[in-house]
Amino acid sequence: MAKTDIKNQDQSKKLSKSKNQDKGQKGLSRFRIVRYLQEMIGEVKKLTWLTKKELVSHTIAVFVFVIAMALIIYVLDFIFSTGIGALESIHIG
């Protein structure tokens, strides 16, 4: 009977230790999240942001590029569809 009591006590100690370790891990994960956010804010403060003039000029450049690419694709599509249409109208034999 004494041996089973000792085993039960050992098992209960192991369970309580594992529960305490789980609580410790949860606490560490909270600190990790806080540390991550602090470091992220620090890195964002180091960034150099575009001025309004630079932002407008870059935005215009992107729009011009997108419109040019759309026109190129439109012209190529028109040429190829016309060519395919012409080939389909040819009757051989």
Protein backbone atom coordinates (compact mmCIF):
# COMPACT_ATOMS: atom_id res chain seq x y z
CA MET A 1 0.00 0.00 0.00
CA ALA A 2 2.85 2.39 0.77
CA LYS A 3 4.43 1.77 -2.62
CA THR A 4 1.24 2.71 -4.47
CA ASP A 5 0.93 5.90 -2.40
CA ILE A 6 4.49 6.87 -3.34
CA LYS A 7 3.79 6.15 -7.03
CA ASN A 8 0.60 8.24 -6.90
CA GLN A 9 2.49 11.12 -5.28
CA ASP A 10 5.24 10.92 -7.91
CA GLN A 11 2.66 10.94 -10.71
CA SER A 12 0.82 13.91 -9.21
CA LYS A 13 4.12 15.81 -8.91
CA LYS A 14 4.91 15.10 -12.56
CA LEU A 15 1.46 16.30 -13.61
CA SER A 16 1.74 19.50 -11.61
CA LYS A 17 5.22 20.16 -13.07
CA SER A 18 3.93 19.71 -16.63
CA LYS A 19 1.00 22.06 -15.93
CA ASN A 20 3.38 24.69 -14.58
CA GLN A 21 5.59 24.30 -17.65
CA ASP A 22 2.58 24.80 -19.93
CA LYS A 23 1.73 28.01 -18.07
CA GLY A 24 5.33 29.12 -18.43
CA GLN A 25 5.24 28.47 -22.18
CA LYS A 26 2.06 30.53 -22.53
CA GLY A 27 3.69 33.37 -20.65
CA LEU A 28 6.76 33.17 -22.87
CA SER A 29 4.64 33.25 -26.02
CA ARG A 30 3.01 36.47 -24.79
CA PHE A 31 6.42 38.00 -24.26
CA ARG A 32 7.47 36.83 -27.70
CA ILE A 33 4.48 38.54 -29.29
CA VAL A 34 5.15 41.77 -27.40
CA ARG A 35 8.84 41.63 -28.33
CA TYR A 36 7.96 40.97 -31.97
CA LEU A 37 5.62 43.98 -32.07
CA GLN A 38 8.21 46.23 -30.42
CA GLU A 39 10.88 45.17 -32.90
CA MET A 40 8.47 45.61 -35.80
CA ILE A 41 7.62 49.16 -34.70
CA GLY A 42 11.32 49.91 -34.37
CA GLU A 43 11.97 48.70 -37.91
CA VAL A 44 9.05 50.71 -39.33
CA LYS A 45 10.51 53.86 -37.74
CA LYS A 46 13.78 53.23 -39.60
CA LEU A 47 12.06 53.26 -43.00
CA THR A 48 12.41 56.22 -45.32
CA TRP A 49 9.08 57.16 -46.81
CA LEU A 50 8.53 58.72 -50.22
CA THR A 51 7.70 62.40 -50.43
CA LYS A 52 4.38 63.38 -51.94
CA LYS A 53 6.09 64.48 -55.17
CA GLU A 54 7.95 61.16 -55.50
CA LEU A 55 4.79 59.18 -54.73
CA VAL A 56 2.81 61.02 -57.42
CA SER A 57 5.55 60.58 -60.03
CA HIS A 58 5.94 56.85 -59.26
CA THR A 59 2.16 56.35 -59.40
CA ILE A 60 1.94 58.09 -62.77
CA ALA A 61 4.81 55.97 -64.08
CA VAL A 62 3.00 52.79 -63.03
CA PHE A 63 -0.25 53.88 -64.67
CA VAL A 64 1.55 54.77 -67.92
CA PHE A 65 3.32 51.41 -67.93
CA VAL A 66 0.09 49.49 -67.29
CA ILE A 67 -1.75 51.37 -70.05
CA ALA A 68 1.14 50.77 -72.49
CA MET A 69 1.17 47.04 -71.73
CA ALA A 70 -2.63 46.87 -72.14
CA LEU A 71 -2.36 48.56 -75.55
CA ILE A 72 0.43 46.20 -76.66
CA ILE A 73 -1.62 43.16 -75.62
CA TYR A 74 -4.71 44.58 -77.36
CA VAL A 75 -2.81 45.17 -80.62
CA LEU A 76 -1.21 41.71 -80.55
CA ASP A 77 -4.57 40.08 -79.80
CA PHE A 78 -6.19 41.97 -82.69
CA ILE A 79 -3.40 40.98 -85.10
CA PHE A 80 -3.47 37.32 -84.13
CA SER A 81 -7.27 37.06 -84.16
CA THR A 82 -7.37 38.70 -87.61
CA GLY A 83 -4.67 36.32 -88.86
CA ILE A 84 -6.46 33.26 -87.46
CA GLY A 85 -9.72 34.49 -89.02
CA ALA A 86 -8.02 34.87 -92.38
CA LEU A 87 -6.56 31.37 -92.14
CA GLU A 88 -9.98 29.93 -91.29
CA SER A 89 -11.56 31.50 -94.35
CA ILE A 90 -9.14 29.74 -96.70
CA HIS A 91 -10.81 26.69 -98.26
CA ILE A 92 -8.40 24.07 -99.48
CA GLY A 93 -9.67 21.38 -101.78
